[in-house]
């Protein structure tokens, strides 16, 4: 997972294995994509299963991008969570053009308090 996040350019605490483990332990749902024994994609979510879910991570190995893997990971996540829950996410700057292409709408009604590093 750390190698995948690193390759995908996700800004996560990759050098802090304990914190990464806590992210895994406290997540609600993982949907993964594999090529043989290689993890090539991952969607990690936090959800209450009835109102909303936060897609915390969407990562695809660079050699596997533009093959529909990210879109399929999101589709399967949505299928598992159900139609009554809305999908929320924060995008890394490099992916801002990707999400509208697969059906996301940019919102102007959200707020954030950034974490202390």
PDB file of N, CA and C in Angstrom:
ATOM      1  N   UNK A   1       0.825  -1.181   0.000  1.00  0.00           N
ATOM      2  CA  UNK A   1       0.000   0.000   0.000  1.00  0.00           C
ATOM      3  C   UNK A   1       0.876   1.254   0.000  1.00  0.00           C
ATOM      4  N   UNK A   2       1.933   1.258   0.786  1.00  0.00           N
ATOM      5  CA  UNK A   2       2.817   2.418   0.845  1.00  0.00           C
ATOM      6  C   UNK A   2       3.476   2.644  -0.505  1.00  0.00           C
ATOM      7  N   UNK A   3       3.907   1.574  -1.162  1.00  0.00           N
ATOM      8  CA  UNK A   3       4.519   1.703  -2.492  1.00  0.00           C
ATOM      9  C   UNK A   3       3.509   2.259  -3.492  1.00  0.00           C
ATOM     10  N   UNK A   4       2.274   1.806  -3.419  1.00  0.00           N
ATOM     11  CA  UNK A   4       1.219   2.300  -4.315  1.00  0.00           C
ATOM     12  C   UNK A   4       0.985   3.788  -4.085  1.00  0.00           C
ATOM     13  N   UNK A   5       0.833   4.196  -2.832  1.00  0.00           N
ATOM     14  CA  UNK A   5       0.599   5.609  -2.517  1.00  0.00           C
ATOM     15  C   UNK A   5       1.766   6.470  -2.971  1.00  0.00           C
ATOM     16  N   UNK A   6       2.963   5.976  -2.766  1.00  0.00           N
ATOM     17  CA  UNK A   6       4.148   6.720  -3.180  1.00  0.00           C
ATOM     18  C   UNK A   6       4.170   6.914  -4.693  1.00  0.00           C
ATOM     19  N   UNK A   7       3.928   5.847  -5.430  1.00  0.00           N
ATOM     20  CA  UNK A   7       3.915   5.908  -6.890  1.00  0.00           C
ATOM     21  C   UNK A   7       2.795   6.822  -7.393  1.00  0.00           C
ATOM     22  N   UNK A   8       1.654   6.795  -6.734  1.00  0.00           N
ATOM     23  CA  UNK A   8       0.505   7.599  -7.156  1.00  0.00           C
ATOM     24  C   UNK A   8       0.639   9.067  -6.753  1.00  0.00           C
ATOM     25  N   UNK A   9       1.620   9.384  -5.919  1.00  0.00           N
ATOM     26  CA  UNK A   9       1.841  10.762  -5.517  1.00  0.00           C
ATOM     27  C   UNK A   9       0.870  11.277  -4.469  1.00  0.00           C
ATOM     28  N   UNK A  10       0.269  10.369  -3.700  1.00  0.00           N
ATOM     29  CA  UNK A  10      -0.652  10.815  -2.648  1.00  0.00           C
ATOM     30  C   UNK A  10       0.142  11.320  -1.444  1.00  0.00           C
ATOM     31  N   UNK A  11      -0.169  12.502  -0.979  1.00  0.00           N
ATOM     32  CA  UNK A  11       0.548  13.055   0.180  1.00  0.00           C
ATOM     33  C   UNK A  11       0.053  12.438   1.485  1.00  0.00           C
ATOM     34  N   UNK A  12       0.599  11.319   1.823  1.00  0.00           N
ATOM     35  CA  UNK A  12       0.253  10.616   3.050  1.00  0.00           C
ATOM     36  C   UNK A  12       1.524  10.431   3.874  1.00  0.00           C
ATOM     37  N   UNK A  13       1.394  10.103   5.155  1.00  0.00           N
ATOM     38  CA  UNK A  13       2.589   9.949   6.012  1.00  0.00           C
ATOM     39  C   UNK A  13       3.316   8.627   5.734  1.00  0.00           C
ATOM     40  N   UNK A  14       3.856   8.501   4.543  1.00  0.00           N
ATOM     41  CA  UNK A  14       4.423   7.235   4.081  1.00  0.00           C
ATOM     42  C   UNK A  14       5.625   6.773   4.899  1.00  0.00           C
ATOM     43  N   UNK A  15       6.299   7.693   5.541  1.00  0.00           N
ATOM     44  CA  UNK A  15       7.456   7.325   6.353  1.00  0.00           C
ATOM     45  C   UNK A  15       7.075   6.989   7.789  1.00  0.00           C
ATOM     46  N   UNK A  16       5.780   7.059   8.105  1.00  0.00           N
ATOM     47  CA  UNK A  16       5.294   6.767   9.444  1.00  0.00           C
ATOM     48  C   UNK A  16       4.375   5.550   9.372  1.00  0.00           C
ATOM     49  N   UNK A  17       4.957   4.365   9.478  1.00  0.00           N
ATOM     50  CA  UNK A  17       4.183   3.123   9.324  1.00  0.00           C
ATOM     51  C   UNK A  17       3.078   2.989  10.368  1.00  0.00           C
ATOM     52  N   UNK A  18       3.316   3.460  11.581  1.00  0.00           N
ATOM     53  CA  UNK A  18       2.290   3.371  12.624  1.00  0.00           C
ATOM     54  C   UNK A  18       1.060   4.200  12.244  1.00  0.00           C
ATOM     55  N   UNK A  19       1.286   5.400  11.744  1.00  0.00           N
ATOM     56  CA  UNK A  19       0.160   6.253  11.340  1.00  0.00           C
ATOM     57  C   UNK A  19      -0.557   5.660  10.126  1.00  0.00           C
ATOM     58  N   UNK A  20       0.203   5.106   9.190  1.00  0.00           N
ATOM     59  CA  UNK A  20      -0.413   4.446   8.028  1.00  0.00           C
ATOM     60  C   UNK A  20      -1.262   3.260   8.492  1.00  0.00           C
ATOM     61  N   UNK A  21      -0.775   2.497   9.460  1.00  0.00           N
ATOM     62  CA  UNK A  21      -1.534   1.369   9.991  1.00  0.00           C
ATOM     63  C   UNK A  21      -2.821   1.843  10.648  1.00  0.00           C
ATOM     64  N   UNK A  22      -2.780   2.960  11.355  1.00  0.00           N
ATOM     65  CA  UNK A  22      -3.978   3.512  11.972  1.00  0.00           C
ATOM     66  C   UNK A  22      -4.983   3.947  10.901  1.00  0.00           C
ATOM     67  N   UNK A  23      -4.492   4.496   9.790  1.00  0.00           N
ATOM     68  CA  UNK A  23      -5.383   4.858   8.691  1.00  0.00           C
ATOM     69  C   UNK A  23      -6.108   3.611   8.178  1.00  0.00           C
ATOM     70  N   UNK A  24      -5.390   2.516   8.059  1.00  0.00           N
ATOM     71  CA  UNK A  24      -5.988   1.261   7.606  1.00  0.00           C
ATOM     72  C   UNK A  24      -7.003   0.759   8.636  1.00  0.00           C
ATOM     73  N   UNK A  25      -6.592   0.700   9.880  1.00  0.00           N
ATOM     74  CA  UNK A  25      -7.440   0.156  10.941  1.00  0.00           C
ATOM     75  C   UNK A  25      -8.742   0.926  11.111  1.00  0.00           C
ATOM     76  N   UNK A  26      -8.713   2.221  10.890  1.00  0.00           N
ATOM     77  CA  UNK A  26      -9.878   3.061  11.149  1.00  0.00           C
ATOM     78  C   UNK A  26     -10.713   3.348   9.911  1.00  0.00           C
ATOM     79  N   UNK A  27     -10.395   2.732   8.810  1.00  0.00           N
ATOM     80  CA  UNK A  27     -11.174   2.901   7.582  1.00  0.00           C
ATOM     81  C   UNK A  27     -12.347   1.929   7.575  1.00  0.00           C
ATOM     82  N   UNK A  28     -13.385   2.304   6.858  1.00  0.00           N
ATOM     83  CA  UNK A  28     -14.590   1.484   6.796  1.00  0.00           C
ATOM     84  C   UNK A  28     -14.567   0.487   5.651  1.00  0.00           C
ATOM     85  N   UNK A  29     -13.945   0.871   4.547  1.00  0.00           N
ATOM     86  CA  UNK A  29     -14.059   0.070   3.331  1.00  0.00           C
ATOM     87  C   UNK A  29     -12.825   0.226   2.463  1.00  0.00           C
ATOM     88  N   UNK A  30     -12.339  -0.888   1.966  1.00  0.00           N
ATOM     89  CA  UNK A  30     -11.266  -0.918   0.980  1.00  0.00           C
ATOM     90  C   UNK A  30     -11.760  -1.669  -0.243  1.00  0.00           C
ATOM     91  N   UNK A  31     -11.524  -1.128  -1.405  1.00  0.00           N
ATOM     92  CA  UNK A  31     -11.759  -1.834  -2.663  1.00  0.00           C
ATOM     93  C   UNK A  31     -10.423  -1.790  -3.389  1.00  0.00           C
ATOM     94  N   UNK A  32      -9.944  -2.943  -3.824  1.00  0.00           N
ATOM     95  CA  UNK A  32      -8.610  -2.998  -4.410  1.00  0.00           C
ATOM     96  C   UNK A  32      -8.629  -3.626  -5.793  1.00  0.00           C
ATOM     97  N   UNK A  33      -7.587  -3.303  -6.547  1.00  0.00           N
ATOM     98  CA  UNK A  33      -7.386  -3.882  -7.879  1.00  0.00           C
ATOM     99  C   UNK A  33      -6.000  -4.515  -7.899  1.00  0.00           C
ATOM    100  N   UNK A  34      -5.949  -5.715  -8.452  1.00  0.00           N
ATOM    101  CA  UNK A  34      -4.703  -6.488  -8.462  1.00  0.00           C
ATOM    102  C   UNK A  34      -4.377  -6.948  -9.877  1.00  0.00           C
ATOM    103  N   UNK A  35      -3.102  -7.037 -10.164  1.00  0.00           N
ATOM    104  CA  UNK A  35      -2.605  -7.702 -11.370  1.00  0.00           C
ATOM    105  C   UNK A  35      -1.679  -8.793 -10.869  1.00  0.00           C
ATOM    106  N   UNK A  36      -2.175 -10.019 -10.926  1.00  0.00           N
ATOM    107  CA  UNK A  36      -1.503 -11.157 -10.284  1.00  0.00           C
ATOM    108  C   UNK A  36      -1.334 -10.842  -8.805  1.00  0.00           C
ATOM    109  N   UNK A  37      -0.109 -10.738  -8.306  1.00  0.00           N
ATOM    110  CA  UNK A  37       0.107 -10.463  -6.877  1.00  0.00           C
ATOM    111  C   UNK A  37       0.493  -9.015  -6.612  1.00  0.00           C
ATOM    112  N   UNK A  38       0.315  -8.150  -7.595  1.00  0.00           N
ATOM    113  CA  UNK A  38       0.689  -6.746  -7.471  1.00  0.00           C
ATOM    114  C   UNK A  38      -0.542  -5.881  -7.232  1.00  0.00           C
ATOM    115  N   UNK A  39      -0.536  -5.121  -6.137  1.00  0.00           N
ATOM    116  CA  UNK A  39      -1.605  -4.169  -5.856  1.00  0.00           C
ATOM    117  C   UNK A  39      -1.441  -2.996  -6.815  1.00  0.00           C
ATOM    118  N   UNK A  40      -2.413  -2.814  -7.714  1.00  0.00           N
ATOM    119  CA  UNK A  40      -2.312  -1.759  -8.730  1.00  0.00           C
ATOM    120  C   UNK A  40      -3.276  -0.615  -8.488  1.00  0.00           C
ATOM    121  N   UNK A  41      -4.263  -0.799  -7.609  1.00  0.00           N
ATOM    122  CA  UNK A  41      -5.214   0.261  -7.323  1.00  0.00           C
ATOM    123  C   UNK A  41      -5.919   0.038  -6.004  1.00  0.00           C
ATOM    124  N   UNK A  42      -6.334   1.144  -5.386  1.00  0.00           N
ATOM    125  CA  UNK A  42      -6.991   1.060  -4.086  1.00  0.00           C
ATOM    126  C   UNK A  42      -7.916   2.254  -3.903  1.00  0.00           C
ATOM    127  N   UNK A  43      -9.111   1.980  -3.404  1.00  0.00           N
ATOM    128  CA  UNK A  43     -10.037   3.018  -2.957  1.00  0.00           C
ATOM    129  C   UNK A  43     -10.292   2.757  -1.473  1.00  0.00           C
ATOM    130  N   UNK A  44      -9.993   3.766  -0.641  1.00  0.00           N
ATOM    131  CA  UNK A  44     -10.164   3.632   0.809  1.00  0.00           C
ATOM    132  C   UNK A  44     -11.199   4.654   1.254  1.00  0.00           C
ATOM    133  N   UNK A  45     -12.219   4.188   1.991  1.00  0.00           N
ATOM    134  CA  UNK A  45     -13.327   5.059   2.388  1.00  0.00           C
ATOM    135  C   UNK A  45     -13.622   4.982   3.879  1.00  0.00           C
ATOM    136  N   UNK A  46     -14.259   6.042   4.354  1.00  0.00           N
ATOM    137  CA  UNK A  46     -14.817   6.108   5.700  1.00  0.00           C
ATOM    138  C   UNK A  46     -16.296   6.433   5.520  1.00  0.00           C
ATOM    139  N   UNK A  47     -17.173   5.651   6.166  1.00  0.00           N
ATOM    140  CA  UNK A  47     -18.607   5.809   5.904  1.00  0.00           C
ATOM    141  C   UNK A  47     -19.469   5.429   7.096  1.00  0.00           C
ATOM    142  N   UNK A  48     -20.687   5.982   7.109  1.00  0.00           N
ATOM    143  CA  UNK A  48     -21.716   5.543   8.059  1.00  0.00           C
ATOM    144  C   UNK A  48     -22.716   4.610   7.381  1.00  0.00           C
ATOM    145  N   UNK A  49     -22.566   4.411   6.080  1.00  0.00           N
ATOM    146  CA  UNK A  49     -23.362   3.493   5.258  1.00  0.00           C
ATOM    147  C   UNK A  49     -24.813   3.926   5.015  1.00  0.00           C
ATOM    148  N   UNK A  50     -25.214   5.075   5.506  1.00  0.00           N
ATOM    149  CA  UNK A  50     -26.597   5.493   5.297  1.00  0.00           C
ATOM    150  C   UNK A  50     -26.742   6.925   4.782  1.00  0.00           C
ATOM    151  N   UNK A  51     -25.745   7.760   4.974  1.00  0.00           N
ATOM    152  CA  UNK A  51     -25.873   9.151   4.561  1.00  0.00           C
ATOM    153  C   UNK A  51     -24.734   9.584   3.643  1.00  0.00           C
ATOM    154  N   UNK A  52     -23.514   9.289   4.047  1.00  0.00           N
ATOM    155  CA  UNK A  52     -22.389   9.734   3.237  1.00  0.00           C
ATOM    156  C   UNK A  52     -21.189   8.824   3.422  1.00  0.00           C
ATOM    157  N   UNK A  53     -20.297   8.930   2.476  1.00  0.00           N
ATOM    158  CA  UNK A  53     -18.997   8.309   2.629  1.00  0.00           C
ATOM    159  C   UNK A  53     -17.945   9.204   2.027  1.00  0.00           C
ATOM    160  N   UNK A  54     -16.812   9.197   2.687  1.00  0.00           N
ATOM    161  CA  UNK A  54     -15.682  10.003   2.284  1.00  0.00           C
ATOM    162  C   UNK A  54     -14.682   9.079   1.608  1.00  0.00           C
ATOM    163  N   UNK A  55     -14.429   9.334   0.358  1.00  0.00           N
ATOM    164  CA  UNK A  55     -13.414   8.582  -0.369  1.00  0.00           C
ATOM    165  C   UNK A  55     -12.075   9.212  -0.015  1.00  0.00           C
ATOM    166  N   UNK A  56     -11.422   8.623   0.972  1.00  0.00           N
ATOM    167  CA  UNK A  56     -10.192   9.192   1.519  1.00  0.00           C
ATOM    168  C   UNK A  56      -9.018   9.035   0.570  1.00  0.00           C
ATOM    169  N   UNK A  57      -8.969   7.934  -0.150  1.00  0.00           N
ATOM    170  CA  UNK A  57      -7.854   7.672  -1.056  1.00  0.00           C
ATOM    171  C   UNK A  57      -8.341   6.971  -2.307  1.00  0.00           C
ATOM    172  N   UNK A  58      -7.858   7.421  -3.429  1.00  0.00           N
ATOM    173  CA  UNK A  58      -7.999   6.706  -4.696  1.00  0.00           C
ATOM    174  C   UNK A  58      -6.615   6.722  -5.323  1.00  0.00           C
ATOM    175  N   UNK A  59      -6.020   5.560  -5.430  1.00  0.00           N
ATOM    176  CA  UNK A  59      -4.655   5.467  -5.942  1.00  0.00           C
ATOM    177  C   UNK A  59      -4.571   4.366  -6.985  1.00  0.00           C
ATOM    178  N   UNK A  60      -3.896   4.658  -8.082  1.00  0.00           N
ATOM    179  CA  UNK A  60      -3.635   3.677  -9.137  1.00  0.00           C
ATOM    180  C   UNK A  60      -2.171   3.812  -9.534  1.00  0.00           C
ATOM    181  N   UNK A  61      -1.477   2.688  -9.628  1.00  0.00           N
ATOM    182  CA  UNK A  61      -0.083   2.726 -10.065  1.00  0.00           C
ATOM    183  C   UNK A  61       0.026   3.426 -11.410  1.00  0.00           C
ATOM    184  N   UNK A  62       1.070   4.206 -11.585  1.00  0.00           N
ATOM    185  CA  UNK A  62       1.214   5.010 -12.799  1.00  0.00           C
ATOM    186  C   UNK A  62       1.209   4.162 -14.069  1.00  0.00           C
ATOM    187  N   UNK A  63       1.791   2.976 -14.041  1.00  0.00           N
ATOM    188  CA  UNK A  63       1.800   2.108 -15.226  1.00  0.00           C
ATOM    189  C   UNK A  63       0.418   1.555 -15.567  1.00  0.00           C
ATOM    190  N   UNK A  64      -0.553   1.698 -14.672  1.00  0.00           N
ATOM    191  CA  UNK A  64      -1.890   1.149 -14.868  1.00  0.00           C
ATOM    192  C   UNK A  64      -2.959   2.230 -15.037  1.00  0.00           C
ATOM    193  N   UNK A  65      -2.538   3.487 -15.062  1.00  0.00           N
ATOM    194  CA  UNK A  65      -3.495   4.577 -15.232  1.00  0.00           C
ATOM    195  C   UNK A  65      -4.040   4.596 -16.651  1.00  0.00           C
ATOM    196  N   UNK A  66      -5.206   5.222 -16.807  1.00  0.00           N
ATOM    197  CA  UNK A  66      -5.908   5.356 -18.085  1.00  0.00           C
ATOM    198  C   UNK A  66      -6.387   4.015 -18.630  1.00  0.00           C
ATOM    199  N   UNK A  67      -6.690   3.094 -17.714  1.00  0.00           N
ATOM    200  CA  UNK A  67      -7.244   1.796 -18.082  1.00  0.00           C
ATOM    201  C   UNK A  67      -8.613   1.584 -17.435  1.00  0.00           C
ATOM    202  N   UNK A  68      -9.152   2.629 -16.787  1.00  0.00           N
ATOM    203  CA  UNK A  68     -10.460   2.534 -16.152  1.00  0.00           C
ATOM    204  C   UNK A  68     -10.439   1.958 -14.756  1.00  0.00           C
ATOM    205  N   UNK A  69      -9.269   1.750 -14.185  1.00  0.00           N
ATOM    206  CA  UNK A  69      -9.182   1.127 -12.861  1.00  0.00           C
ATOM    207  C   UNK A  69      -9.758   2.037 -11.784  1.00  0.00           C
ATOM    208  N   UNK A  70      -9.386   3.310 -11.783  1.00  0.00           N
ATOM    209  CA  UNK A  70      -9.914   4.240 -10.786  1.00  0.00           C
ATOM    210  C   UNK A  70     -11.427   4.348 -10.864  1.00  0.00           C
ATOM    211  N   UNK A  71     -11.932   4.461 -12.064  1.00  0.00           N
ATOM    212  CA  UNK A  71     -13.385   4.558 -12.268  1.00  0.00           C
ATOM    213  C   UNK A  71     -14.089   3.296 -11.753  1.00  0.00           C
ATOM    214  N   UNK A  72     -13.502   2.142 -12.007  1.00  0.00           N
ATOM    215  CA  UNK A  72     -14.096   0.887 -11.544  1.00  0.00           C
ATOM    216  C   UNK A  72     -14.017   0.765 -10.019  1.00  0.00           C
ATOM    217  N   UNK A  73     -12.936   1.209  -9.418  1.00  0.00           N
ATOM    218  CA  UNK A  73     -12.835   1.189  -7.958  1.00  0.00           C
ATOM    219  C   UNK A  73     -13.930   2.044  -7.333  1.00  0.00           C
ATOM    220  N   UNK A  74     -14.180   3.209  -7.921  1.00  0.00           N
ATOM    221  CA  UNK A  74     -15.243   4.082  -7.417  1.00  0.00           C
ATOM    222  C   UNK A  74     -16.603   3.434  -7.640  1.00  0.00           C
ATOM    223  N   UNK A  75     -16.828   2.846  -8.801  1.00  0.00           N
ATOM    224  CA  UNK A  75     -18.110   2.188  -9.081  1.00  0.00           C
ATOM    225  C   UNK A  75     -18.381   1.090  -8.055  1.00  0.00           C
ATOM    226  N   UNK A  76     -17.386   0.289  -7.777  1.00  0.00           N
ATOM    227  CA  UNK A  76     -17.577  -0.800  -6.819  1.00  0.00           C
ATOM    228  C   UNK A  76     -17.768  -0.282  -5.403  1.00  0.00           C
ATOM    229  N   UNK A  77     -17.088   0.797  -5.061  1.00  0.00           N
ATOM    230  CA  UNK A  77     -17.285   1.411  -3.751  1.00  0.00           C
ATOM    231  C   UNK A  77     -18.716   1.915  -3.630  1.00  0.00           C
ATOM    232  N   UNK A  78     -19.184   2.634  -4.649  1.00  0.00           N
ATOM    233  CA  UNK A  78     -20.563   3.150  -4.642  1.00  0.00           C
ATOM    234  C   UNK A  78     -21.565   2.011  -4.550  1.00  0.00           C
ATOM    235  N   UNK A  79     -21.313   0.932  -5.263  1.00  0.00           N
ATOM    236  CA  UNK A  79     -22.212  -0.227  -5.243  1.00  0.00           C
ATOM    237  C   UNK A  79     -22.289  -0.813  -3.842  1.00  0.00           C
ATOM    238  N   UNK A  80     -21.179  -0.924  -3.165  1.00  0.00           N
ATOM    239  CA  UNK A  80     -21.138  -1.520  -1.836  1.00  0.00           C
ATOM    240  C   UNK A  80     -21.818  -0.617  -0.811  1.00  0.00           C
ATOM    241  N   UNK A  81     -21.587   0.695  -0.912  1.00  0.00           N
ATOM    242  CA  UNK A  81     -22.127   1.628   0.070  1.00  0.00           C
ATOM    243  C   UNK A  81     -23.624   1.851  -0.148  1.00  0.00           C
ATOM    244  N   UNK A  82     -24.054   1.884  -1.390  1.00  0.00           N
ATOM    245  CA  UNK A  82     -25.475   2.027  -1.682  1.00  0.00           C
ATOM    246  C   UNK A  82     -25.837   3.393  -2.220  1.00  0.00           C
ATOM    247  N   UNK A  83     -27.009   3.459  -2.801  1.00  0.00           N
ATOM    248  CA  UNK A  83     -27.480   4.662  -3.493  1.00  0.00           C
ATOM    249  C   UNK A  83     -27.882   5.793  -2.551  1.00  0.00           C
ATOM    250  N   UNK A  84     -28.167   5.487  -1.302  1.00  0.00           N
ATOM    251  CA  UNK A  84     -28.624   6.521  -0.379  1.00  0.00           C
ATOM    252  C   UNK A  84     -27.489   7.349   0.206  1.00  0.00           C
ATOM    253  N   UNK A  85     -26.261   6.926   0.012  1.00  0.00           N
ATOM    254  CA  UNK A  85     -25.112   7.649   0.550  1.00  0.00           C
ATOM    255  C   UNK A  85     -24.477   8.509  -0.527  1.00  0.00           C
ATOM    256  N   UNK A  86     -24.118   9.741  -0.149  1.00  0.00           N
ATOM    257  CA  UNK A  86     -23.417  10.609  -1.095  1.00  0.00           C
ATOM    258  C   UNK A  86     -21.912  10.410  -0.934  1.00  0.00           C
ATOM    259  N   UNK A  87     -21.217  10.598  -2.022  1.00  0.00           N
ATOM    260  CA  UNK A  87     -19.765  10.429  -2.059  1.00  0.00           C
ATOM    261  C   UNK A  87     -19.100  11.792  -1.975  1.00  0.00           C
ATOM    262  N   UNK A  88     -18.185  11.920  -1.035  1.00  0.00           N
ATOM    263  CA  UNK A  88     -17.422  13.150  -0.830  1.00  0.00           C
ATOM    264  C   UNK A  88     -15.937  12.831  -0.972  1.00  0.00           C
ATOM    265  N   UNK A  89     -15.173  13.796  -1.465  1.00  0.00           N
ATOM    266  CA  UNK A  89     -13.725  13.605  -1.501  1.00  0.00           C
ATOM    267  C   UNK A  89     -13.008  14.931  -1.580  1.00  0.00           C
ATOM    268  N   UNK A  90     -11.752  14.910  -1.195  1.00  0.00           N
ATOM    269  CA  UNK A  90     -10.834  16.016  -1.411  1.00  0.00           C
ATOM    270  C   UNK A  90      -9.823  15.525  -2.435  1.00  0.00           C
ATOM    271  N   UNK A  91      -9.577  16.312  -3.438  1.00  0.00           N
ATOM    272  CA  UNK A  91      -8.684  15.900  -4.516  1.00  0.00           C
ATOM    273  C   UNK A  91      -7.286  16.484  -4.356  1.00  0.00           C
ATOM    274  N   UNK A  92      -6.290  15.710  -4.745  1.00  0.00           N
ATOM    275  CA  UNK A  92      -4.959  16.292  -4.897  1.00  0.00           C
ATOM    276  C   UNK A  92      -5.003  17.175  -6.141  1.00  0.00           C
ATOM    277  N   UNK A  93      -4.199  18.235  -6.187  1.00  0.00           N
ATOM    278  CA  UNK A  93      -4.246  19.138  -7.342  1.00  0.00           C
ATOM    279  C   UNK A  93      -4.096  18.436  -8.695  1.00  0.00           C
ATOM    280  N   UNK A  94      -3.278  17.420  -8.770  1.00  0.00           N
ATOM    281  CA  UNK A  94      -3.035  16.736 -10.043  1.00  0.00           C
ATOM    282  C   UNK A  94      -4.262  16.005 -10.576  1.00  0.00           C
ATOM    283  N   UNK A  95      -5.249  15.720  -9.717  1.00  0.00           N
ATOM    284  CA  UNK A  95      -6.426  14.963 -10.137  1.00  0.00           C
ATOM    285  C   UNK A  95      -7.666  15.825 -10.328  1.00  0.00           C
ATOM    286  N   UNK A  96      -7.539  17.131 -10.223  1.00  0.00           N
ATOM    287  CA  UNK A  96      -8.705  18.012 -10.325  1.00  0.00           C
ATOM    288  C   UNK A  96      -9.427  17.907 -11.667  1.00  0.00           C
ATOM    289  N   UNK A  97      -8.730  17.603 -12.720  1.00  0.00           N
ATOM    290  CA  UNK A  97      -9.370  17.441 -14.026  1.00  0.00           C
ATOM    291  C   UNK A  97      -9.974  16.055 -14.214  1.00  0.00           C
ATOM    292  N   UNK A  98      -9.533  15.083 -13.431  1.00  0.00           N
ATOM    293  CA  UNK A  98      -9.996  13.696 -13.574  1.00  0.00           C
ATOM    294  C   UNK A  98     -11.432  13.521 -13.084  1.00  0.00           C
ATOM    295  N   UNK A  99     -11.725  14.012 -11.903  1.00  0.00           N
ATOM    296  CA  UNK A  99     -13.009  13.714 -11.276  1.00  0.00           C
ATOM    297  C   UNK A  99     -14.228  14.204 -12.054  1.00  0.00           C
ATOM    298  N   UNK A 100     -14.217  15.399 -12.629  1.00  0.00           N
ATOM    299  CA  UNK A 100     -15.378  15.792 -13.445  1.00  0.00           C
ATOM    300  C   UNK A 100     -15.603  14.877 -14.650  1.00  0.00           C
ATOM    301  N   UNK A 101     -14.556  14.296 -15.165  1.00  0.00           N
ATOM    302  CA  UNK A 101     -14.668  13.400 -16.327  1.00  0.00           C
ATOM    303  C   UNK A 101     -15.417  12.108 -15.987  1.00  0.00           C
ATOM    304  N   UNK A 102     -15.427  11.752 -14.698  1.00  0.00           N
ATOM    305  CA  UNK A 102     -16.098  10.499 -14.319  1.00  0.00           C
ATOM    306  C   UNK A 102     -17.366  10.754 -13.508  1.00  0.00           C
ATOM    307  N   UNK A 103     -17.911  11.972 -13.609  1.00  0.00           N
ATOM    308  CA  UNK A 103     -19.227  12.231 -13.044  1.00  0.00           C
ATOM    309  C   UNK A 103     -19.288  13.043 -11.769  1.00  0.00           C
ATOM    310  N   UNK A 104     -18.155  13.465 -11.221  1.00  0.00           N
ATOM    311  CA  UNK A 104     -18.173  14.281 -10.017  1.00  0.00           C
ATOM    312  C   UNK A 104     -18.509  15.724 -10.365  1.00  0.00           C
ATOM    313  N   UNK A 105     -19.159  16.407  -9.423  1.00  0.00           N
ATOM    314  CA  UNK A 105     -19.455  17.830  -9.571  1.00  0.00           C
ATOM    315  C   UNK A 105     -18.622  18.592  -8.550  1.00  0.00           C
ATOM    316  N   UNK A 106     -17.974  19.631  -9.004  1.00  0.00           N
ATOM    317  CA  UNK A 106     -17.185  20.478  -8.112  1.00  0.00           C
ATOM    318  C   UNK A 106     -18.145  21.294  -7.248  1.00  0.00           C
ATOM    319  N   UNK A 107     -17.858  21.378  -5.956  1.00  0.00           N
ATOM    320  CA  UNK A 107     -18.731  22.078  -5.020  1.00  0.00           C
ATOM    321  C   UNK A 107     -18.061  23.325  -4.474  1.00  0.00           C
ATOM    322  N   UNK A 108     -18.860  24.330  -4.281  1.00  0.00           N
ATOM    323  CA  UNK A 108     -18.372  25.560  -3.671  1.00  0.00           C
ATOM    324  C   UNK A 108     -18.901  25.724  -2.251  1.00  0.00           C
ATOM    325  N   UNK A 109     -19.540  24.689  -1.727  1.00  0.00           N
ATOM    326  CA  UNK A 109     -20.153  24.804  -0.407  1.00  0.00           C
ATOM    327  C   UNK A 109     -19.502  23.878   0.620  1.00  0.00           C
ATOM    328  N   UNK A 110     -18.197  23.783   0.574  1.00  0.00           N
ATOM    329  CA  UNK A 110     -17.513  22.935   1.542  1.00  0.00           C
ATOM    330  C   UNK A 110     -16.448  23.748   2.273  1.00  0.00           C
ATOM    331  N   UNK A 111     -16.030  23.225   3.402  1.00  0.00           N
ATOM    332  CA  UNK A 111     -15.054  23.899   4.249  1.00  0.00           C
ATOM    333  C   UNK A 111     -14.067  22.875   4.765  1.00  0.00           C
ATOM    334  N   UNK A 112     -12.907  23.349   5.180  1.00  0.00           N
ATOM    335  CA  UNK A 112     -11.885  22.452   5.719  1.00  0.00           C
ATOM    336  C   UNK A 112     -11.110  23.158   6.815  1.00  0.00           C
ATOM    337  N   UNK A 113     -10.751  22.431   7.842  1.00  0.00           N
ATOM    338  CA  UNK A 113      -9.774  22.870   8.827  1.00  0.00           C
ATOM    339  C   UNK A 113      -8.615  21.899   8.652  1.00  0.00           C
ATOM    340  N   UNK A 114      -7.504  22.387   8.176  1.00  0.00           N
ATOM    341  CA  UNK A 114      -6.358  21.520   7.913  1.00  0.00           C
ATOM    342  C   UNK A 114      -5.765  20.973   9.205  1.00  0.00           C
ATOM    343  N   UNK A 115      -5.213  19.782   9.120  1.00  0.00           N
ATOM    344  CA  UNK A 115      -4.589  19.126  10.265  1.00  0.00           C
ATOM    345  C   UNK A 115      -3.282  19.827  10.600  1.00  0.00           C
ATOM    346  N   UNK A 116      -2.881  19.671  11.828  1.00  0.00           N
ATOM    347  CA  UNK A 116      -1.551  20.127  12.235  1.00  0.00           C
ATOM    348  C   UNK A 116      -0.560  19.042  11.849  1.00  0.00           C
ATOM    349  N   UNK A 117       0.507  19.388  11.241  1.00  0.00           N
ATOM    350  CA  UNK A 117       1.502  18.374  10.839  1.00  0.00           C
ATOM    351  C   UNK A 117       2.427  18.128  11.952  1.00  0.00           C
TER     352      UNK A 117
END
